PDB file of N, CA and C in Angstrom:
ATOM      1  N   UNK A   1     160.187 219.396 -76.486  1.00  0.00           N
ATOM      2  CA  UNK A   1     160.414 220.817 -76.671  1.00  0.00           C
ATOM      3  C   UNK A   1     159.453 221.329 -77.742  1.00  0.00           C
ATOM      4  N   UNK A   2     158.857 222.474 -77.509  1.00  0.00           N
ATOM      5  CA  UNK A   2     157.914 223.037 -78.464  1.00  0.00           C
ATOM      6  C   UNK A   2     158.530 224.172 -79.270  1.00  0.00           C
ATOM      7  N   UNK A   3     158.113 224.212 -80.500  1.00  0.00           N
ATOM      8  CA  UNK A   3     158.559 225.234 -81.433  1.00  0.00           C
ATOM      9  C   UNK A   3     157.329 225.871 -82.047  1.00  0.00           C
ATOM     10  N   UNK A   4     157.393 227.170 -82.271  1.00  0.00           N
ATOM     11  CA  UNK A   4     156.307 227.875 -82.927  1.00  0.00           C
ATOM     12  C   UNK A   4     156.624 227.941 -84.414  1.00  0.00           C
ATOM     13  N   UNK A   5     155.897 227.165 -85.200  1.00  0.00           N
ATOM     14  CA  UNK A   5     156.074 227.183 -86.652  1.00  0.00           C
ATOM     15  C   UNK A   5     155.219 228.326 -87.181  1.00  0.00           C
ATOM     16  N   UNK A   6     155.895 229.288 -87.797  1.00  0.00           N
ATOM     17  CA  UNK A   6     155.220 230.486 -88.282  1.00  0.00           C
ATOM     18  C   UNK A   6     154.702 230.347 -89.701  1.00  0.00           C
ATOM     19  N   UNK A   7     155.450 229.590 -90.527  1.00  0.00           N
ATOM     20  CA  UNK A   7     155.157 229.596 -91.957  1.00  0.00           C
ATOM     21  C   UNK A   7     155.723 228.337 -92.589  1.00  0.00           C
ATOM     22  N   UNK A   8     154.971 227.756 -93.498  1.00  0.00           N
ATOM     23  CA  UNK A   8     155.440 226.608 -94.275  1.00  0.00           C
ATOM     24  C   UNK A   8     155.186 226.938 -95.741  1.00  0.00           C
ATOM     25  N   UNK A   9     156.264 227.001 -96.525  1.00  0.00           N
ATOM     26  CA  UNK A   9     156.147 227.365 -97.939  1.00  0.00           C
ATOM     27  C   UNK A   9     156.626 226.207 -98.809  1.00  0.00           C
ATOM     28  N   UNK A  10     155.696 225.532 -99.512  1.00  0.00           N
ATOM     29  CA  UNK A  10     156.111 224.435-100.381  1.00  0.00           C
ATOM     30  C   UNK A  10     156.862 224.969-101.607  1.00  0.00           C
ATOM     31  N   UNK A  11     157.731 224.135-102.150  1.00  0.00           N
ATOM     32  CA  UNK A  11     158.402 224.478-103.402  1.00  0.00           C
ATOM     33  C   UNK A  11     158.455 223.256-104.307  1.00  0.00           C
ATOM     34  N   UNK A  12     158.507 223.533-105.597  1.00  0.00           N
ATOM     35  CA  UNK A  12     158.571 222.505-106.616  1.00  0.00           C
ATOM     36  C   UNK A  12     159.183 223.162-107.846  1.00  0.00           C
ATOM     37  N   UNK A  13     160.436 222.847-108.132  1.00  0.00           N
ATOM     38  CA  UNK A  13     161.108 223.463-109.260  1.00  0.00           C
ATOM     39  C   UNK A  13     162.165 222.510-109.822  1.00  0.00           C
ATOM     40  N   UNK A  14     162.648 222.839-111.001  1.00  0.00           N
ATOM     41  CA  UNK A  14     163.719 222.089-111.630  1.00  0.00           C
ATOM     42  C   UNK A  14     165.005 222.876-111.453  1.00  0.00           C
ATOM     43  N   UNK A  15     166.015 222.247-110.856  1.00  0.00           N
ATOM     44  CA  UNK A  15     167.293 222.910-110.617  1.00  0.00           C
ATOM     45  C   UNK A  15     168.111 223.061-111.888  1.00  0.00           C
ATOM     46  N   UNK A  16     169.210 223.781-111.790  1.00  0.00           N
ATOM     47  CA  UNK A  16     170.100 223.997-112.938  1.00  0.00           C
ATOM     48  C   UNK A  16     170.656 222.691-113.482  1.00  0.00           C
ATOM     49  N   UNK A  17     170.704 221.676-112.621  1.00  0.00           N
ATOM     50  CA  UNK A  17     171.198 220.364-113.042  1.00  0.00           C
ATOM     51  C   UNK A  17     170.115 219.521-113.704  1.00  0.00           C
ATOM     52  N   UNK A  18     168.887 220.067-113.827  1.00  0.00           N
ATOM     53  CA  UNK A  18     167.790 219.355-114.465  1.00  0.00           C
ATOM     54  C   UNK A  18     167.007 218.454-113.525  1.00  0.00           C
ATOM     55  N   UNK A  19     167.406 218.381-112.250  1.00  0.00           N
ATOM     56  CA  UNK A  19     166.707 217.525-111.287  1.00  0.00           C
ATOM     57  C   UNK A  19     165.540 218.268-110.644  1.00  0.00           C
ATOM     58  N   UNK A  20     164.454 217.520-110.427  1.00  0.00           N
ATOM     59  CA  UNK A  20     163.270 218.074-109.780  1.00  0.00           C
ATOM     60  C   UNK A  20     163.527 218.235-108.288  1.00  0.00           C
ATOM     61  N   UNK A  21     163.190 219.389-107.724  1.00  0.00           N
ATOM     62  CA  UNK A  21     163.329 219.668-106.300  1.00  0.00           C
ATOM     63  C   UNK A  21     161.938 219.929-105.730  1.00  0.00           C
ATOM     64  N   UNK A  22     161.566 219.138-104.720  1.00  0.00           N
ATOM     65  CA  UNK A  22     160.275 219.307-104.065  1.00  0.00           C
ATOM     66  C   UNK A  22     160.480 219.256-102.561  1.00  0.00           C
ATOM     67  N   UNK A  23     159.723 220.054-101.858  1.00  0.00           N
ATOM     68  CA  UNK A  23     159.801 220.078-100.407  1.00  0.00           C
ATOM     69  C   UNK A  23     159.093 221.309 -99.896  1.00  0.00           C
ATOM     70  N   UNK A  24     159.537 221.763 -98.730  1.00  0.00           N
ATOM     71  CA  UNK A  24     158.957 222.966 -98.140  1.00  0.00           C
ATOM     72  C   UNK A  24     160.007 223.644 -97.269  1.00  0.00           C
ATOM     73  N   UNK A  25     159.900 224.948 -97.185  1.00  0.00           N
ATOM     74  CA  UNK A  25     160.713 225.729 -96.266  1.00  0.00           C
ATOM     75  C   UNK A  25     159.862 226.006 -95.033  1.00  0.00           C
ATOM     76  N   UNK A  26     160.380 225.644 -93.874  1.00  0.00           N
ATOM     77  CA  UNK A  26     159.672 225.831 -92.609  1.00  0.00           C
ATOM     78  C   UNK A  26     160.354 226.953 -91.832  1.00  0.00           C
ATOM     79  N   UNK A  27     159.592 227.966 -91.465  1.00  0.00           N
ATOM     80  CA  UNK A  27     160.100 229.067 -90.652  1.00  0.00           C
ATOM     81  C   UNK A  27     159.540 228.892 -89.248  1.00  0.00           C
ATOM     82  N   UNK A  28     160.435 228.887 -88.254  1.00  0.00           N
ATOM     83  CA  UNK A  28     159.996 228.594 -86.891  1.00  0.00           C
ATOM     84  C   UNK A  28     160.791 229.384 -85.861  1.00  0.00           C
ATOM     85  N   UNK A  29     160.247 229.412 -84.645  1.00  0.00           N
ATOM     86  CA  UNK A  29     160.917 230.011 -83.494  1.00  0.00           C
ATOM     87  C   UNK A  29     161.184 228.920 -82.473  1.00  0.00           C
ATOM     88  N   UNK A  30     162.385 228.897 -81.934  1.00  0.00           N
ATOM     89  CA  UNK A  30     162.707 228.017 -80.812  1.00  0.00           C
ATOM     90  C   UNK A  30     162.336 228.796 -79.561  1.00  0.00           C
ATOM     91  N   UNK A  31     161.264 228.392 -78.911  1.00  0.00           N
ATOM     92  CA  UNK A  31     160.733 229.158 -77.780  1.00  0.00           C
ATOM     93  C   UNK A  31     161.627 229.102 -76.547  1.00  0.00           C
ATOM     94  N   UNK A  32     162.590 228.179 -76.529  1.00  0.00           N
ATOM     95  CA  UNK A  32     163.495 228.055 -75.390  1.00  0.00           C
ATOM     96  C   UNK A  32     164.879 228.653 -75.638  1.00  0.00           C
ATOM     97  N   UNK A  33     165.117 229.145 -76.843  1.00  0.00           N
ATOM     98  CA  UNK A  33     166.450 229.670 -77.179  1.00  0.00           C
ATOM     99  C   UNK A  33     166.652 231.049 -76.560  1.00  0.00           C
ATOM    100  N   UNK A  34     167.762 231.247 -75.863  1.00  0.00           N
ATOM    101  CA  UNK A  34     168.032 232.583 -75.330  1.00  0.00           C
ATOM    102  C   UNK A  34     168.473 233.505 -76.464  1.00  0.00           C
ATOM    103  N   UNK A  35     168.113 234.781 -76.379  1.00  0.00           N
ATOM    104  CA  UNK A  35     168.564 235.707 -77.423  1.00  0.00           C
ATOM    105  C   UNK A  35     170.082 235.899 -77.368  1.00  0.00           C
ATOM    106  N   UNK A  36     170.664 236.200 -78.514  1.00  0.00           N
ATOM    107  CA  UNK A  36     172.097 236.488 -78.571  1.00  0.00           C
ATOM    108  C   UNK A  36     172.370 237.782 -77.808  1.00  0.00           C
ATOM    109  N   UNK A  37     173.601 237.967 -77.410  1.00  0.00           N
ATOM    110  CA  UNK A  37     173.998 239.143 -76.654  1.00  0.00           C
ATOM    111  C   UNK A  37     173.591 240.424 -77.380  1.00  0.00           C
ATOM    112  N   UNK A  38     172.899 241.284 -76.675  1.00  0.00           N
ATOM    113  CA  UNK A  38     172.475 242.563 -77.224  1.00  0.00           C
ATOM    114  C   UNK A  38     171.172 242.503 -78.005  1.00  0.00           C
ATOM    115  N   UNK A  39     170.645 241.324 -78.231  1.00  0.00           N
ATOM    116  CA  UNK A  39     169.395 241.188 -78.981  1.00  0.00           C
ATOM    117  C   UNK A  39     168.211 241.065 -78.026  1.00  0.00           C
ATOM    118  N   UNK A  40     167.028 241.353 -78.544  1.00  0.00           N
ATOM    119  CA  UNK A  40     165.792 241.165 -77.806  1.00  0.00           C
ATOM    120  C   UNK A  40     164.866 240.317 -78.658  1.00  0.00           C
ATOM    121  N   UNK A  41     164.107 239.476 -78.016  1.00  0.00           N
ATOM    122  CA  UNK A  41     163.147 238.661 -78.751  1.00  0.00           C
ATOM    123  C   UNK A  41     163.760 237.400 -79.332  1.00  0.00           C
ATOM    124  N   UNK A  42     162.992 236.746 -80.173  1.00  0.00           N
ATOM    125  CA  UNK A  42     163.396 235.486 -80.781  1.00  0.00           C
ATOM    126  C   UNK A  42     163.589 235.671 -82.279  1.00  0.00           C
ATOM    127  N   UNK A  43     164.718 235.241 -82.787  1.00  0.00           N
ATOM    128  CA  UNK A  43     165.001 235.343 -84.214  1.00  0.00           C
ATOM    129  C   UNK A  43     164.447 234.105 -84.922  1.00  0.00           C
ATOM    130  N   UNK A  44     163.705 234.293 -86.020  1.00  0.00           N
ATOM    131  CA  UNK A  44     163.176 233.138 -86.739  1.00  0.00           C
ATOM    132  C   UNK A  44     164.293 232.370 -87.440  1.00  0.00           C
ATOM    133  N   UNK A  45     164.078 231.064 -87.562  1.00  0.00           N
ATOM    134  CA  UNK A  45     165.019 230.186 -88.264  1.00  0.00           C
ATOM    135  C   UNK A  45     164.272 229.511 -89.396  1.00  0.00           C
ATOM    136  N   UNK A  46     165.014 229.095 -90.419  1.00  0.00           N
ATOM    137  CA  UNK A  46     164.408 228.409 -91.551  1.00  0.00           C
ATOM    138  C   UNK A  46     165.165 227.134 -91.848  1.00  0.00           C
ATOM    139  N   UNK A  47     164.411 226.127 -92.275  1.00  0.00           N
ATOM    140  CA  UNK A  47     165.009 224.864 -92.681  1.00  0.00           C
ATOM    141  C   UNK A  47     164.133 224.278 -93.782  1.00  0.00           C
ATOM    142  N   UNK A  48     164.762 223.599 -94.713  1.00  0.00           N
ATOM    143  CA  UNK A  48     164.022 222.898 -95.762  1.00  0.00           C
ATOM    144  C   UNK A  48     163.727 221.477 -95.306  1.00  0.00           C
ATOM    145  N   UNK A  49     162.547 220.995 -95.659  1.00  0.00           N
ATOM    146  CA  UNK A  49     162.164 219.622 -95.334  1.00  0.00           C
ATOM    147  C   UNK A  49     161.701 218.943 -96.619  1.00  0.00           C
ATOM    148  N   UNK A  50     161.865 217.622 -96.692  1.00  0.00           N
ATOM    149  CA  UNK A  50     161.380 216.911 -97.874  1.00  0.00           C
ATOM    150  C   UNK A  50     159.852 216.930 -97.939  1.00  0.00           C
ATOM    151  N   UNK A  51     159.338 216.667 -99.126  1.00  0.00           N
ATOM    152  CA  UNK A  51     157.903 216.714 -99.362  1.00  0.00           C
ATOM    153  C   UNK A  51     157.130 215.806 -98.409  1.00  0.00           C
ATOM    154  N   UNK A  52     157.651 214.614 -98.126  1.00  0.00           N
ATOM    155  CA  UNK A  52     156.967 213.686 -97.238  1.00  0.00           C
ATOM    156  C   UNK A  52     156.795 214.286 -95.838  1.00  0.00           C
ATOM    157  N   UNK A  53     157.831 214.952 -95.333  1.00  0.00           N
ATOM    158  CA  UNK A  53     157.766 215.550 -93.997  1.00  0.00           C
ATOM    159  C   UNK A  53     156.925 216.827 -94.002  1.00  0.00           C
ATOM    160  N   UNK A  54     156.865 217.526 -95.125  1.00  0.00           N
ATOM    161  CA  UNK A  54     156.069 218.755 -95.217  1.00  0.00           C
ATOM    162  C   UNK A  54     154.605 218.478 -94.900  1.00  0.00           C
ATOM    163  N   UNK A  55     154.146 217.254 -95.165  1.00  0.00           N
ATOM    164  CA  UNK A  55     152.758 216.881 -94.872  1.00  0.00           C
ATOM    165  C   UNK A  55     152.491 216.826 -93.367  1.00  0.00           C
ATOM    166  N   UNK A  56     153.549 216.817 -92.551  1.00  0.00           N
ATOM    167  CA  UNK A  56     153.414 216.796 -91.094  1.00  0.00           C
ATOM    168  C   UNK A  56     153.102 218.171 -90.517  1.00  0.00           C
ATOM    169  N   UNK A  57     153.000 219.183 -91.379  1.00  0.00           N
ATOM    170  CA  UNK A  57     152.701 220.559 -90.960  1.00  0.00           C
ATOM    171  C   UNK A  57     151.360 220.978 -91.557  1.00  0.00           C
ATOM    172  N   UNK A  58     150.232 220.486 -90.999  1.00  0.00           N
ATOM    173  CA  UNK A  58     148.930 220.796 -91.586  1.00  0.00           C
ATOM    174  C   UNK A  58     148.455 222.233 -91.361  1.00  0.00           C
ATOM    175  N   UNK A  59     149.056 222.937 -90.403  1.00  0.00           N
ATOM    176  CA  UNK A  59     148.640 224.320 -90.166  1.00  0.00           C
ATOM    177  C   UNK A  59     149.792 225.141 -89.603  1.00  0.00           C
ATOM    178  N   UNK A  60     149.670 226.442 -89.822  1.00  0.00           N
ATOM    179  CA  UNK A  60     150.631 227.397 -89.271  1.00  0.00           C
ATOM    180  C   UNK A  60     149.923 228.744 -89.216  1.00  0.00           C
ATOM    181  N   UNK A  61     150.182 229.550 -88.228  1.00  0.00           N
ATOM    182  CA  UNK A  61     151.102 229.289 -87.120  1.00  0.00           C
ATOM    183  C   UNK A  61     150.520 228.251 -86.171  1.00  0.00           C
ATOM    184  N   UNK A  62     151.420 227.499 -85.580  1.00  0.00           N
ATOM    185  CA  UNK A  62     151.009 226.465 -84.636  1.00  0.00           C
ATOM    186  C   UNK A  62     152.217 226.011 -83.832  1.00  0.00           C
ATOM    187  N   UNK A  63     151.939 225.422 -82.683  1.00  0.00           N
ATOM    188  CA  UNK A  63     152.992 224.832 -81.865  1.00  0.00           C
ATOM    189  C   UNK A  63     153.212 223.392 -82.301  1.00  0.00           C
ATOM    190  N   UNK A  64     154.477 223.035 -82.457  1.00  0.00           N
ATOM    191  CA  UNK A  64     154.855 221.685 -82.864  1.00  0.00           C
ATOM    192  C   UNK A  64     155.939 221.154 -81.937  1.00  0.00           C
ATOM    193  N   UNK A  65     155.911 219.865 -81.759  1.00  0.00           N
ATOM    194  CA  UNK A  65     157.023 219.158 -81.146  1.00  0.00           C
ATOM    195  C   UNK A  65     157.869 218.683 -82.327  1.00  0.00           C
ATOM    196  N   UNK A  66     159.107 219.154 -82.413  1.00  0.00           N
ATOM    197  CA  UNK A  66     159.978 218.813 -83.538  1.00  0.00           C
ATOM    198  C   UNK A  66     161.119 217.935 -83.081  1.00  0.00           C
ATOM    199  N   UNK A  67     161.450 216.958 -83.895  1.00  0.00           N
ATOM    200  CA  UNK A  67     162.629 216.141 -83.683  1.00  0.00           C
ATOM    201  C   UNK A  67     163.708 216.576 -84.659  1.00  0.00           C
ATOM    202  N   UNK A  68     164.945 216.589 -84.199  1.00  0.00           N
ATOM    203  CA  UNK A  68     166.052 217.003 -85.048  1.00  0.00           C
ATOM    204  C   UNK A  68     167.087 215.894 -85.143  1.00  0.00           C
ATOM    205  N   UNK A  69     167.791 215.867 -86.256  1.00  0.00           N
ATOM    206  CA  UNK A  69     168.877 214.917 -86.463  1.00  0.00           C
ATOM    207  C   UNK A  69     169.952 215.624 -87.279  1.00  0.00           C
ATOM    208  N   UNK A  70     171.127 215.042 -87.298  1.00  0.00           N
ATOM    209  CA  UNK A  70     172.238 215.589 -88.073  1.00  0.00           C
ATOM    210  C   UNK A  70     172.500 214.712 -89.290  1.00  0.00           C
ATOM    211  N   UNK A  71     173.044 215.339 -90.317  1.00  0.00           N
ATOM    212  CA  UNK A  71     173.551 214.600 -91.462  1.00  0.00           C
ATOM    213  C   UNK A  71     174.823 215.284 -91.941  1.00  0.00           C
ATOM    214  N   UNK A  72     175.578 214.554 -92.691  1.00  0.00           N
ATOM    215  CA  UNK A  72     176.839 215.093 -93.202  1.00  0.00           C
ATOM    216  C   UNK A  72     176.537 216.078 -94.325  1.00  0.00           C
ATOM    217  N   UNK A  73     177.076 217.268 -94.186  1.00  0.00           N
ATOM    218  CA  UNK A  73     176.890 218.294 -95.194  1.00  0.00           C
ATOM    219  C   UNK A  73     178.148 218.509 -96.007  1.00  0.00           C
ATOM    220  N   UNK A  74     178.204 219.656 -96.638  1.00  0.00           N
ATOM    221  CA  UNK A  74     179.352 220.016 -97.466  1.00  0.00           C
ATOM    222  C   UNK A  74     180.637 220.009 -96.636  1.00  0.00           C
ATOM    223  N   UNK A  75     181.682 219.467 -97.193  1.00  0.00           N
ATOM    224  CA  UNK A  75     182.998 219.390 -96.550  1.00  0.00           C
ATOM    225  C   UNK A  75     182.955 218.646 -95.217  1.00  0.00           C
ATOM    226  N   UNK A  76     181.984 217.739 -95.052  1.00  0.00           N
ATOM    227  CA  UNK A  76     181.901 216.942 -93.842  1.00  0.00           C
ATOM    228  C   UNK A  76     181.339 217.661 -92.630  1.00  0.00           C
ATOM    229  N   UNK A  77     180.888 218.881 -92.815  1.00  0.00           N
ATOM    230  CA  UNK A  77     180.332 219.641 -91.686  1.00  0.00           C
ATOM    231  C   UNK A  77     178.922 219.149 -91.389  1.00  0.00           C
ATOM    232  N   UNK A  78     178.567 219.022 -90.102  1.00  0.00           N
ATOM    233  CA  UNK A  78     177.227 218.544 -89.767  1.00  0.00           C
ATOM    234  C   UNK A  78     176.163 219.590 -90.090  1.00  0.00           C
ATOM    235  N   UNK A  79     175.035 219.089 -90.574  1.00  0.00           N
ATOM    236  CA  UNK A  79     173.880 219.939 -90.835  1.00  0.00           C
ATOM    237  C   UNK A  79     172.718 219.405 -90.013  1.00  0.00           C
ATOM    238  N   UNK A  80     172.018 220.301 -89.362  1.00  0.00           N
ATOM    239  CA  UNK A  80     170.861 219.942 -88.562  1.00  0.00           C
ATOM    240  C   UNK A  80     169.621 219.953 -89.456  1.00  0.00           C
ATOM    241  N   UNK A  81     168.773 218.947 -89.334  1.00  0.00           N
ATOM    242  CA  UNK A  81     167.531 218.944 -90.089  1.00  0.00           C
ATOM    243  C   UNK A  81     166.403 218.393 -89.227  1.00  0.00           C
ATOM    244  N   UNK A  82     165.175 218.744 -89.594  1.00  0.00           N
ATOM    245  CA  UNK A  82     164.004 218.257 -88.876  1.00  0.00           C
ATOM    246  C   UNK A  82     163.748 216.820 -89.313  1.00  0.00           C
ATOM    247  N   UNK A  83     163.616 215.931 -88.346  1.00  0.00           N
ATOM    248  CA  UNK A  83     163.379 214.524 -88.660  1.00  0.00           C
ATOM    249  C   UNK A  83     161.940 214.099 -88.369  1.00  0.00           C
ATOM    250  N   UNK A  84     161.232 214.878 -87.536  1.00  0.00           N
ATOM    251  CA  UNK A  84     159.835 214.561 -87.230  1.00  0.00           C
ATOM    252  C   UNK A  84     159.119 215.815 -86.755  1.00  0.00           C
ATOM    253  N   UNK A  85     157.808 215.814 -86.921  1.00  0.00           N
ATOM    254  CA  UNK A  85     156.994 216.959 -86.489  1.00  0.00           C
ATOM    255  C   UNK A  85     155.633 216.456 -86.025  1.00  0.00           C
ATOM    256  N   UNK A  86     155.217 216.948 -84.858  1.00  0.00           N
ATOM    257  CA  UNK A  86     153.900 216.583 -84.332  1.00  0.00           C
ATOM    258  C   UNK A  86     153.182 217.865 -83.916  1.00  0.00           C
ATOM    259  N   UNK A  87     152.022 218.079 -84.481  1.00  0.00           N
ATOM    260  CA  UNK A  87     151.214 219.249 -84.150  1.00  0.00           C
ATOM    261  C   UNK A  87     150.735 219.145 -82.705  1.00  0.00           C
ATOM    262  N   UNK A  88     151.013 220.183 -81.914  1.00  0.00           N
ATOM    263  CA  UNK A  88     150.568 220.223 -80.516  1.00  0.00           C
ATOM    264  C   UNK A  88     149.350 221.121 -80.345  1.00  0.00           C
ATOM    265  N   UNK A  89     149.222 222.143 -81.183  1.00  0.00           N
ATOM    266  CA  UNK A  89     148.066 223.033 -81.090  1.00  0.00           C
ATOM    267  C   UNK A  89     148.241 224.251 -81.970  1.00  0.00           C
ATOM    268  N   UNK A  90     147.143 224.691 -82.543  1.00  0.00           N
ATOM    269  CA  UNK A  90     147.166 225.905 -83.344  1.00  0.00           C
ATOM    270  C   UNK A  90     147.182 227.120 -82.437  1.00  0.00           C
ATOM    271  N   UNK A  91     147.587 228.234 -82.996  1.00  0.00           N
ATOM    272  CA  UNK A  91     147.612 229.466 -82.216  1.00  0.00           C
ATOM    273  C   UNK A  91     147.218 230.633 -83.114  1.00  0.00           C
ATOM    274  N   UNK A  92     146.412 231.516 -82.580  1.00  0.00           N
ATOM    275  CA  UNK A  92     146.019 232.731 -83.277  1.00  0.00           C
ATOM    276  C   UNK A  92     146.934 233.833 -82.770  1.00  0.00           C
ATOM    277  N   UNK A  93     147.855 234.289 -83.594  1.00  0.00           N
ATOM    278  CA  UNK A  93     148.833 235.285 -83.147  1.00  0.00           C
ATOM    279  C   UNK A  93     148.215 236.639 -82.845  1.00  0.00           C
ATOM    280  N   UNK A  94     147.035 236.912 -83.397  1.00  0.00           N
ATOM    281  CA  UNK A  94     146.404 238.205 -83.114  1.00  0.00           C
ATOM    282  C   UNK A  94     145.809 238.249 -81.710  1.00  0.00           C
ATOM    283  N   UNK A  95     145.400 237.080 -81.193  1.00  0.00           N
ATOM    284  CA  UNK A  95     144.793 237.044 -79.873  1.00  0.00           C
ATOM    285  C   UNK A  95     145.659 236.300 -78.857  1.00  0.00           C
ATOM    286  N   UNK A  96     146.610 235.495 -79.351  1.00  0.00           N
ATOM    287  CA  UNK A  96     147.442 234.690 -78.458  1.00  0.00           C
ATOM    288  C   UNK A  96     146.721 233.461 -77.927  1.00  0.00           C
ATOM    289  N   UNK A  97     145.567 233.140 -78.506  1.00  0.00           N
ATOM    290  CA  UNK A  97     144.770 232.000 -78.038  1.00  0.00           C
ATOM    291  C   UNK A  97     145.312 230.704 -78.645  1.00  0.00           C
ATOM    292  N   UNK A  98     145.583 229.755 -77.761  1.00  0.00           N
ATOM    293  CA  UNK A  98     146.085 228.453 -78.161  1.00  0.00           C
ATOM    294  C   UNK A  98     144.924 227.479 -78.246  1.00  0.00           C
ATOM    295  N   UNK A  99     144.839 226.756 -79.362  1.00  0.00           N
ATOM    296  CA  UNK A  99     143.800 225.744 -79.540  1.00  0.00           C
ATOM    297  C   UNK A  99     144.467 224.379 -79.514  1.00  0.00           C
ATOM    298  N   UNK A 100     144.311 223.648 -78.439  1.00  0.00           N
ATOM    299  CA  UNK A 100     144.924 222.325 -78.313  1.00  0.00           C
ATOM    300  C   UNK A 100     144.273 221.348 -79.282  1.00  0.00           C
ATOM    301  N   UNK A 101     145.096 220.503 -79.861  1.00  0.00           N
ATOM    302  CA  UNK A 101     144.590 219.449 -80.767  1.00  0.00           C
ATOM    303  C   UNK A 101     144.502 218.132 -80.038  1.00  0.00           C
TER     304      UNK A 101
END
């Protein structure tokens, strides 16, 4: 399944607990997701990834094959996270031209 990764924003800060936080926020579109009732278009989604995985996003915007996995979150609720990313091709949003890698 392909996803259009629109933006990757790295972060590096010290939290209120004094611990260092490093990673990146990935903003993407699920190109196969149907819009919610009454909506048009695709709503962007965001997820944080660890620093090691952030290196798997060398360019944006671009099409990626993303792998997802679950982990236990707050109160035992499942949280979805990106477990792998493979660049499939860059895209120029102004022209819609896809450059295969």
